[in-house]
Protein backbone atom coordinates (compact mmCIF):
# COMPACT_ATOMS: atom_id res chain seq x y z
CA UNK A 1 0.00 0.00 0.00
CA UNK A 2 1.37 3.44 -0.92
CA UNK A 3 1.99 5.93 1.82
CA UNK A 4 0.75 9.45 1.21
CA UNK A 5 2.85 12.34 2.38
CA UNK A 6 1.52 15.81 3.00
CA UNK A 7 3.60 18.40 1.26
CA UNK A 8 3.26 21.90 2.49
CA UNK A 9 3.82 24.55 -0.22
CA UNK A 10 4.89 27.17 2.32
CA UNK A 11 7.53 24.83 3.78
CA UNK A 12 8.79 23.95 0.32
CA UNK A 13 9.00 27.62 -0.67
CA UNK A 14 10.79 28.43 2.59
CA UNK A 15 13.30 25.60 2.00
CA UNK A 16 13.89 26.79 -1.55
CA UNK A 17 14.44 30.34 -0.36
CA UNK A 18 16.91 29.11 2.28
CA UNK A 19 18.72 27.07 -0.37
CA UNK A 20 19.22 30.07 -2.67
CA UNK A 21 20.28 32.23 0.28
CA UNK A 22 22.94 29.63 1.14
CA UNK A 23 24.06 29.46 -2.49
CA UNK A 24 24.49 33.23 -2.59
CA UNK A 25 26.44 33.12 0.67
CA UNK A 26 28.77 30.40 -0.65
CA UNK A 27 29.37 32.23 -3.94
CA UNK A 28 30.60 35.25 -1.98
CA UNK A 29 33.36 33.03 -0.53
CA UNK A 30 34.67 32.02 -3.97
CA UNK A 31 37.94 33.60 -5.05
CA UNK A 32 37.31 34.39 -8.70
CA UNK A 33 40.32 34.52 -11.06
CA UNK A 34 41.30 37.84 -12.57
CA UNK A 35 41.62 38.33 -16.33
CA UNK A 36 45.32 37.38 -16.44
CA UNK A 37 44.76 34.12 -14.53
CA UNK A 38 41.71 33.26 -16.62
CA UNK A 39 43.67 33.78 -19.84
CA UNK A 40 46.48 31.61 -18.51
CA UNK A 41 44.14 28.80 -17.44
CA UNK A 42 42.29 28.91 -20.76
CA UNK A 43 45.58 28.68 -22.67
CA UNK A 44 46.65 25.65 -20.63
CA UNK A 45 43.32 23.89 -21.22
CA UNK A 46 43.27 24.57 -24.97
CA UNK A 47 46.92 23.51 -25.37
CA UNK A 48 46.32 20.30 -23.42
CA UNK A 49 43.24 19.50 -25.53
CA UNK A 50 45.15 20.13 -28.76
CA UNK A 51 48.04 17.89 -27.68
CA UNK A 52 45.63 15.13 -26.63
CA UNK A 53 43.73 15.40 -29.94
CA UNK A 54 46.94 15.20 -31.97
CA UNK A 55 48.13 12.23 -29.89
CA UNK A 56 44.85 10.37 -30.42
CA UNK A 57 44.94 11.16 -34.13
CA UNK A 58 48.49 9.74 -34.40
CA UNK A 59 47.58 6.56 -32.50
CA UNK A 60 44.41 6.13 -34.58
CA UNK A 61 46.35 6.61 -37.80
CA UNK A 62 49.01 4.09 -36.72
CA UNK A 63 46.42 1.47 -35.74
CA UNK A 64 44.50 2.09 -38.96
CA UNK A 65 47.60 1.57 -41.12
CA UNK A 66 48.59 -1.53 -39.12
CA UNK A 67 45.10 -2.98 -39.51
CA UNK A 68 45.14 -2.17 -43.22
CA UNK A 69 48.46 -4.06 -43.59
CA UNK A 70 47.10 -7.05 -41.68
CA UNK A 71 43.89 -7.23 -43.73
CA UNK A 72 45.67 -6.71 -47.05
PDB file of N, CA and C in Angstrom:
ATOM      1  N   UNK A   1       0.843  -1.158   0.000  1.00  0.00           N
ATOM      2  CA  UNK A   1       0.000   0.000   0.000  1.00  0.00           C
ATOM      3  C   UNK A   1       0.901   1.238   0.000  1.00  0.00           C
ATOM      4  N   UNK A   2       0.574   2.217  -0.806  1.00  0.00           N
ATOM      5  CA  UNK A   2       1.365   3.438  -0.924  1.00  0.00           C
ATOM      6  C   UNK A   2       1.084   4.359   0.255  1.00  0.00           C
ATOM      7  N   UNK A   3       2.118   4.996   0.707  1.00  0.00           N
ATOM      8  CA  UNK A   3       1.989   5.930   1.819  1.00  0.00           C
ATOM      9  C   UNK A   3       1.906   7.335   1.254  1.00  0.00           C
ATOM     10  N   UNK A   4       0.895   8.079   1.682  1.00  0.00           N
ATOM     11  CA  UNK A   4       0.752   9.450   1.214  1.00  0.00           C
ATOM     12  C   UNK A   4       1.491  10.377   2.156  1.00  0.00           C
ATOM     13  N   UNK A   5       2.171  11.344   1.568  1.00  0.00           N
ATOM     14  CA  UNK A   5       2.855  12.344   2.378  1.00  0.00           C
ATOM     15  C   UNK A   5       2.209  13.684   2.115  1.00  0.00           C
ATOM     16  N   UNK A   6       2.068  14.466   3.146  1.00  0.00           N
ATOM     17  CA  UNK A   6       1.519  15.809   3.003  1.00  0.00           C
ATOM     18  C   UNK A   6       2.659  16.770   2.725  1.00  0.00           C
ATOM     19  N   UNK A   7       2.580  17.415   1.579  1.00  0.00           N
ATOM     20  CA  UNK A   7       3.603  18.404   1.256  1.00  0.00           C
ATOM     21  C   UNK A   7       3.009  19.771   1.463  1.00  0.00           C
ATOM     22  N   UNK A   8       3.720  20.566   2.165  1.00  0.00           N
ATOM     23  CA  UNK A   8       3.264  21.903   2.486  1.00  0.00           C
ATOM     24  C   UNK A   8       3.992  22.877   1.562  1.00  0.00           C
ATOM     25  N   UNK A   9       3.222  23.627   0.734  1.00  0.00           N
ATOM     26  CA  UNK A   9       3.823  24.550  -0.217  1.00  0.00           C
ATOM     27  C   UNK A   9       4.650  25.622   0.485  1.00  0.00           C
ATOM     28  N   UNK A  10       4.172  26.114   1.598  1.00  0.00           N
ATOM     29  CA  UNK A  10       4.887  27.169   2.325  1.00  0.00           C
ATOM     30  C   UNK A  10       6.239  26.645   2.814  1.00  0.00           C
ATOM     31  N   UNK A  11       6.277  25.407   3.298  1.00  0.00           N
ATOM     32  CA  UNK A  11       7.529  24.830   3.779  1.00  0.00           C
ATOM     33  C   UNK A  11       8.491  24.614   2.622  1.00  0.00           C
ATOM     34  N   UNK A  12       7.963  24.170   1.489  1.00  0.00           N
ATOM     35  CA  UNK A  12       8.791  23.954   0.319  1.00  0.00           C
ATOM     36  C   UNK A  12       9.369  25.274  -0.178  1.00  0.00           C
ATOM     37  N   UNK A  13       8.554  26.306  -0.226  1.00  0.00           N
ATOM     38  CA  UNK A  13       9.004  27.619  -0.669  1.00  0.00           C
ATOM     39  C   UNK A  13      10.051  28.170   0.289  1.00  0.00           C
ATOM     40  N   UNK A  14       9.840  27.969   1.580  1.00  0.00           N
ATOM     41  CA  UNK A  14      10.787  28.435   2.589  1.00  0.00           C
ATOM     42  C   UNK A  14      12.125  27.708   2.432  1.00  0.00           C
ATOM     43  N   UNK A  15      12.081  26.393   2.188  1.00  0.00           N
ATOM     44  CA  UNK A  15      13.296  25.604   1.997  1.00  0.00           C
ATOM     45  C   UNK A  15      14.038  26.063   0.745  1.00  0.00           C
ATOM     46  N   UNK A  16      13.284  26.340  -0.304  1.00  0.00           N
ATOM     47  CA  UNK A  16      13.890  26.788  -1.551  1.00  0.00           C
ATOM     48  C   UNK A  16      14.543  28.148  -1.360  1.00  0.00           C
ATOM     49  N   UNK A  17      13.876  29.027  -0.645  1.00  0.00           N
ATOM     50  CA  UNK A  17      14.440  30.343  -0.358  1.00  0.00           C
ATOM     51  C   UNK A  17      15.721  30.235   0.459  1.00  0.00           C
ATOM     52  N   UNK A  18      15.726  29.337   1.443  1.00  0.00           N
ATOM     53  CA  UNK A  18      16.910  29.115   2.276  1.00  0.00           C
ATOM     54  C   UNK A  18      18.050  28.555   1.424  1.00  0.00           C
ATOM     55  N   UNK A  19      17.706  27.654   0.517  1.00  0.00           N
ATOM     56  CA  UNK A  19      18.717  27.068  -0.369  1.00  0.00           C
ATOM     57  C   UNK A  19      19.414  28.153  -1.184  1.00  0.00           C
ATOM     58  N   UNK A  20      18.626  29.026  -1.836  1.00  0.00           N
ATOM     59  CA  UNK A  20      19.222  30.071  -2.666  1.00  0.00           C
ATOM     60  C   UNK A  20      19.991  31.088  -1.826  1.00  0.00           C
ATOM     61  N   UNK A  21      19.554  31.332  -0.607  1.00  0.00           N
ATOM     62  CA  UNK A  21      20.277  32.231   0.285  1.00  0.00           C
ATOM     63  C   UNK A  21      21.646  31.632   0.612  1.00  0.00           C
ATOM     64  N   UNK A  22      21.672  30.317   0.868  1.00  0.00           N
ATOM     65  CA  UNK A  22      22.937  29.634   1.145  1.00  0.00           C
ATOM     66  C   UNK A  22      23.845  29.615  -0.079  1.00  0.00           C
ATOM     67  N   UNK A  23      23.266  29.443  -1.255  1.00  0.00           N
ATOM     68  CA  UNK A  23      24.057  29.457  -2.486  1.00  0.00           C
ATOM     69  C   UNK A  23      24.720  30.819  -2.658  1.00  0.00           C
ATOM     70  N   UNK A  24      23.947  31.878  -2.466  1.00  0.00           N
ATOM     71  CA  UNK A  24      24.486  33.234  -2.588  1.00  0.00           C
ATOM     72  C   UNK A  24      25.611  33.455  -1.584  1.00  0.00           C
ATOM     73  N   UNK A  25      25.421  32.983  -0.369  1.00  0.00           N
ATOM     74  CA  UNK A  25      26.435  33.119   0.673  1.00  0.00           C
ATOM     75  C   UNK A  25      27.722  32.376   0.291  1.00  0.00           C
ATOM     76  N   UNK A  26      27.595  31.186  -0.256  1.00  0.00           N
ATOM     77  CA  UNK A  26      28.772  30.402  -0.652  1.00  0.00           C
ATOM     78  C   UNK A  26      29.497  31.038  -1.831  1.00  0.00           C
ATOM     79  N   UNK A  27      28.744  31.599  -2.779  1.00  0.00           N
ATOM     80  CA  UNK A  27      29.375  32.226  -3.942  1.00  0.00           C
ATOM     81  C   UNK A  27      30.182  33.460  -3.552  1.00  0.00           C
ATOM     82  N   UNK A  28      29.830  34.101  -2.447  1.00  0.00           N
ATOM     83  CA  UNK A  28      30.603  35.247  -1.977  1.00  0.00           C
ATOM     84  C   UNK A  28      31.973  34.815  -1.452  1.00  0.00           C
ATOM     85  N   UNK A  29      32.109  33.550  -1.065  1.00  0.00           N
ATOM     86  CA  UNK A  29      33.365  33.030  -0.534  1.00  0.00           C
ATOM     87  C   UNK A  29      34.342  32.617  -1.643  1.00  0.00           C
ATOM     88  N   UNK A  30      33.851  32.486  -2.860  1.00  0.00           N
ATOM     89  CA  UNK A  30      34.675  32.022  -3.967  1.00  0.00           C
ATOM     90  C   UNK A  30      35.692  33.099  -4.340  1.00  0.00           C
ATOM     91  N   UNK A  31      36.920  32.679  -4.564  1.00  0.00           N
ATOM     92  CA  UNK A  31      37.943  33.598  -5.045  1.00  0.00           C
ATOM     93  C   UNK A  31      37.976  33.458  -6.564  1.00  0.00           C
ATOM     94  N   UNK A  32      37.413  34.442  -7.251  1.00  0.00           N
ATOM     95  CA  UNK A  32      37.307  34.391  -8.700  1.00  0.00           C
ATOM     96  C   UNK A  32      38.634  34.805  -9.330  1.00  0.00           C
ATOM     97  N   UNK A  33      39.054  34.153 -10.419  1.00  0.00           N
ATOM     98  CA  UNK A  33      40.322  34.522 -11.061  1.00  0.00           C
ATOM     99  C   UNK A  33      40.198  35.870 -11.771  1.00  0.00           C
ATOM    100  N   UNK A  34      41.322  36.585 -11.818  1.00  0.00           N
ATOM    101  CA  UNK A  34      41.302  37.836 -12.573  1.00  0.00           C
ATOM    102  C   UNK A  34      41.535  37.511 -14.053  1.00  0.00           C
ATOM    103  N   UNK A  35      41.549  38.534 -14.875  1.00  0.00           N
ATOM    104  CA  UNK A  35      41.621  38.329 -16.325  1.00  0.00           C
ATOM    105  C   UNK A  35      42.917  37.625 -16.736  1.00  0.00           C
ATOM    106  N   UNK A  36      44.031  37.984 -16.102  1.00  0.00           N
ATOM    107  CA  UNK A  36      45.324  37.381 -16.444  1.00  0.00           C
ATOM    108  C   UNK A  36      45.323  35.883 -16.120  1.00  0.00           C
ATOM    109  N   UNK A  37      44.821  35.527 -14.925  1.00  0.00           N
ATOM    110  CA  UNK A  37      44.756  34.118 -14.534  1.00  0.00           C
ATOM    111  C   UNK A  37      43.824  33.335 -15.452  1.00  0.00           C
ATOM    112  N   UNK A  38      42.687  33.922 -15.768  1.00  0.00           N
ATOM    113  CA  UNK A  38      41.711  33.257 -16.621  1.00  0.00           C
ATOM    114  C   UNK A  38      42.291  32.980 -18.005  1.00  0.00           C
ATOM    115  N   UNK A  39      43.019  33.961 -18.545  1.00  0.00           N
ATOM    116  CA  UNK A  39      43.665  33.780 -19.845  1.00  0.00           C
ATOM    117  C   UNK A  39      44.704  32.663 -19.775  1.00  0.00           C
ATOM    118  N   UNK A  40      45.463  32.641 -18.692  1.00  0.00           N
ATOM    119  CA  UNK A  40      46.484  31.609 -18.510  1.00  0.00           C
ATOM    120  C   UNK A  40      45.853  30.225 -18.414  1.00  0.00           C
ATOM    121  N   UNK A  41      44.811  30.088 -17.599  1.00  0.00           N
ATOM    122  CA  UNK A  41      44.137  28.800 -17.444  1.00  0.00           C
ATOM    123  C   UNK A  41      43.521  28.330 -18.757  1.00  0.00           C
ATOM    124  N   UNK A  42      42.913  29.261 -19.476  1.00  0.00           N
ATOM    125  CA  UNK A  42      42.293  28.914 -20.756  1.00  0.00           C
ATOM    126  C   UNK A  42      43.338  28.421 -21.746  1.00  0.00           C
ATOM    127  N   UNK A  43      44.490  29.088 -21.778  1.00  0.00           N
ATOM    128  CA  UNK A  43      45.577  28.678 -22.669  1.00  0.00           C
ATOM    129  C   UNK A  43      46.060  27.272 -22.332  1.00  0.00           C
ATOM    130  N   UNK A  44      46.205  26.984 -21.055  1.00  0.00           N
ATOM    131  CA  UNK A  44      46.654  25.652 -20.629  1.00  0.00           C
ATOM    132  C   UNK A  44      45.640  24.597 -21.058  1.00  0.00           C
ATOM    133  N   UNK A  45      44.367  24.857 -20.862  1.00  0.00           N
ATOM    134  CA  UNK A  45      43.325  23.885 -21.219  1.00  0.00           C
ATOM    135  C   UNK A  45      43.294  23.649 -22.725  1.00  0.00           C
ATOM    136  N   UNK A  46      43.323  24.719 -23.514  1.00  0.00           N
ATOM    137  CA  UNK A  46      43.274  24.569 -24.974  1.00  0.00           C
ATOM    138  C   UNK A  46      44.515  23.859 -25.508  1.00  0.00           C
ATOM    139  N   UNK A  47      45.682  24.172 -24.945  1.00  0.00           N
ATOM    140  CA  UNK A  47      46.923  23.507 -25.372  1.00  0.00           C
ATOM    141  C   UNK A  47      46.878  22.016 -25.033  1.00  0.00           C
ATOM    142  N   UNK A  48      46.424  21.702 -23.834  1.00  0.00           N
ATOM    143  CA  UNK A  48      46.325  20.297 -23.425  1.00  0.00           C
ATOM    144  C   UNK A  48      45.356  19.531 -24.320  1.00  0.00           C
ATOM    145  N   UNK A  49      44.221  20.149 -24.640  1.00  0.00           N
ATOM    146  CA  UNK A  49      43.242  19.500 -25.526  1.00  0.00           C
ATOM    147  C   UNK A  49      43.823  19.278 -26.916  1.00  0.00           C
ATOM    148  N   UNK A  50      44.550  20.263 -27.424  1.00  0.00           N
ATOM    149  CA  UNK A  50      45.153  20.133 -28.758  1.00  0.00           C
ATOM    150  C   UNK A  50      46.191  19.013 -28.779  1.00  0.00           C
ATOM    151  N   UNK A  51      47.031  18.956 -27.746  1.00  0.00           N
ATOM    152  CA  UNK A  51      48.042  17.891 -27.676  1.00  0.00           C
ATOM    153  C   UNK A  51      47.377  16.522 -27.576  1.00  0.00           C
ATOM    154  N   UNK A  52      46.344  16.410 -26.765  1.00  0.00           N
ATOM    155  CA  UNK A  52      45.630  15.132 -26.628  1.00  0.00           C
ATOM    156  C   UNK A  52      44.973  14.731 -27.953  1.00  0.00           C
ATOM    157  N   UNK A  53      44.388  15.694 -28.654  1.00  0.00           N
ATOM    158  CA  UNK A  53      43.734  15.396 -29.936  1.00  0.00           C
ATOM    159  C   UNK A  53      44.759  14.933 -30.968  1.00  0.00           C
ATOM    160  N   UNK A  54      45.893  15.607 -31.017  1.00  0.00           N
ATOM    161  CA  UNK A  54      46.939  15.203 -31.967  1.00  0.00           C
ATOM    162  C   UNK A  54      47.466  13.818 -31.609  1.00  0.00           C
ATOM    163  N   UNK A  55      47.662  13.562 -30.320  1.00  0.00           N
ATOM    164  CA  UNK A  55      48.129  12.234 -29.893  1.00  0.00           C
ATOM    165  C   UNK A  55      47.155  11.137 -30.269  1.00  0.00           C
ATOM    166  N   UNK A  56      45.867  11.375 -30.045  1.00  0.00           N
ATOM    167  CA  UNK A  56      44.852  10.373 -30.418  1.00  0.00           C
ATOM    168  C   UNK A  56      44.798  10.174 -31.926  1.00  0.00           C
ATOM    169  N   UNK A  57      44.962  11.258 -32.677  1.00  0.00           N
ATOM    170  CA  UNK A  57      44.943  11.159 -34.134  1.00  0.00           C
ATOM    171  C   UNK A  57      46.122  10.308 -34.609  1.00  0.00           C
ATOM    172  N   UNK A  58      47.311  10.525 -34.011  1.00  0.00           N
ATOM    173  CA  UNK A  58      48.492   9.744 -34.405  1.00  0.00           C
ATOM    174  C   UNK A  58      48.315   8.261 -34.078  1.00  0.00           C
ATOM    175  N   UNK A  59      47.801   7.964 -32.891  1.00  0.00           N
ATOM    176  CA  UNK A  59      47.577   6.564 -32.501  1.00  0.00           C
ATOM    177  C   UNK A  59      46.531   5.923 -33.409  1.00  0.00           C
ATOM    178  N   UNK A  60      45.453   6.648 -33.698  1.00  0.00           N
ATOM    179  CA  UNK A  60      44.405   6.131 -34.581  1.00  0.00           C
ATOM    180  C   UNK A  60      44.948   5.869 -35.977  1.00  0.00           C
ATOM    181  N   UNK A  61      45.757   6.781 -36.474  1.00  0.00           N
ATOM    182  CA  UNK A  61      46.349   6.608 -37.805  1.00  0.00           C
ATOM    183  C   UNK A  61      47.266   5.386 -37.822  1.00  0.00           C
ATOM    184  N   UNK A  62      48.089   5.235 -36.779  1.00  0.00           N
ATOM    185  CA  UNK A  62      49.011   4.094 -36.720  1.00  0.00           C
ATOM    186  C   UNK A  62      48.242   2.771 -36.666  1.00  0.00           C
ATOM    187  N   UNK A  63      47.215   2.693 -35.812  1.00  0.00           N
ATOM    188  CA  UNK A  63      46.422   1.465 -35.742  1.00  0.00           C
ATOM    189  C   UNK A  63      45.682   1.203 -37.051  1.00  0.00           C
ATOM    190  N   UNK A  64      45.201   2.250 -37.681  1.00  0.00           N
ATOM    191  CA  UNK A  64      44.501   2.093 -38.962  1.00  0.00           C
ATOM    192  C   UNK A  64      45.414   1.532 -40.032  1.00  0.00           C
ATOM    193  N   UNK A  65      46.639   2.076 -40.104  1.00  0.00           N
ATOM    194  CA  UNK A  65      47.597   1.567 -41.116  1.00  0.00           C
ATOM    195  C   UNK A  65      48.013   0.142 -40.800  1.00  0.00           C
ATOM    196  N   UNK A  66      48.218  -0.167 -39.499  1.00  0.00           N
ATOM    197  CA  UNK A  66      48.586  -1.532 -39.117  1.00  0.00           C
ATOM    198  C   UNK A  66      47.457  -2.501 -39.460  1.00  0.00           C
ATOM    199  N   UNK A  67      46.239  -2.124 -39.185  1.00  0.00           N
ATOM    200  CA  UNK A  67      45.104  -2.981 -39.508  1.00  0.00           C
ATOM    201  C   UNK A  67      44.982  -3.165 -41.021  1.00  0.00           C
ATOM    202  N   UNK A  68      45.216  -2.099 -41.748  1.00  0.00           N
ATOM    203  CA  UNK A  68      45.139  -2.169 -43.216  1.00  0.00           C
ATOM    204  C   UNK A  68      46.195  -3.145 -43.746  1.00  0.00           C
ATOM    205  N   UNK A  69      47.398  -3.132 -43.153  1.00  0.00           N
ATOM    206  CA  UNK A  69      48.463  -4.056 -43.585  1.00  0.00           C
ATOM    207  C   UNK A  69      48.106  -5.500 -43.226  1.00  0.00           C
ATOM    208  N   UNK A  70      47.472  -5.699 -42.095  1.00  0.00           N
ATOM    209  CA  UNK A  70      47.101  -7.055 -41.682  1.00  0.00           C
ATOM    210  C   UNK A  70      45.996  -7.600 -42.582  1.00  0.00           C
ATOM    211  N   UNK A  71      45.014  -6.796 -42.900  1.00  0.00           N
ATOM    212  CA  UNK A  71      43.894  -7.234 -43.733  1.00  0.00           C
ATOM    213  C   UNK A  71      44.330  -7.436 -45.164  1.00  0.00           C
ATOM    214  N   UNK A  72      45.217  -6.614 -45.653  1.00  0.00           N
ATOM    215  CA  UNK A  72      45.675  -6.705 -47.046  1.00  0.00           C
ATOM    216  C   UNK A  72      46.412  -7.946 -47.286  1.00  0.00           C
TER     217      UNK A  72
END
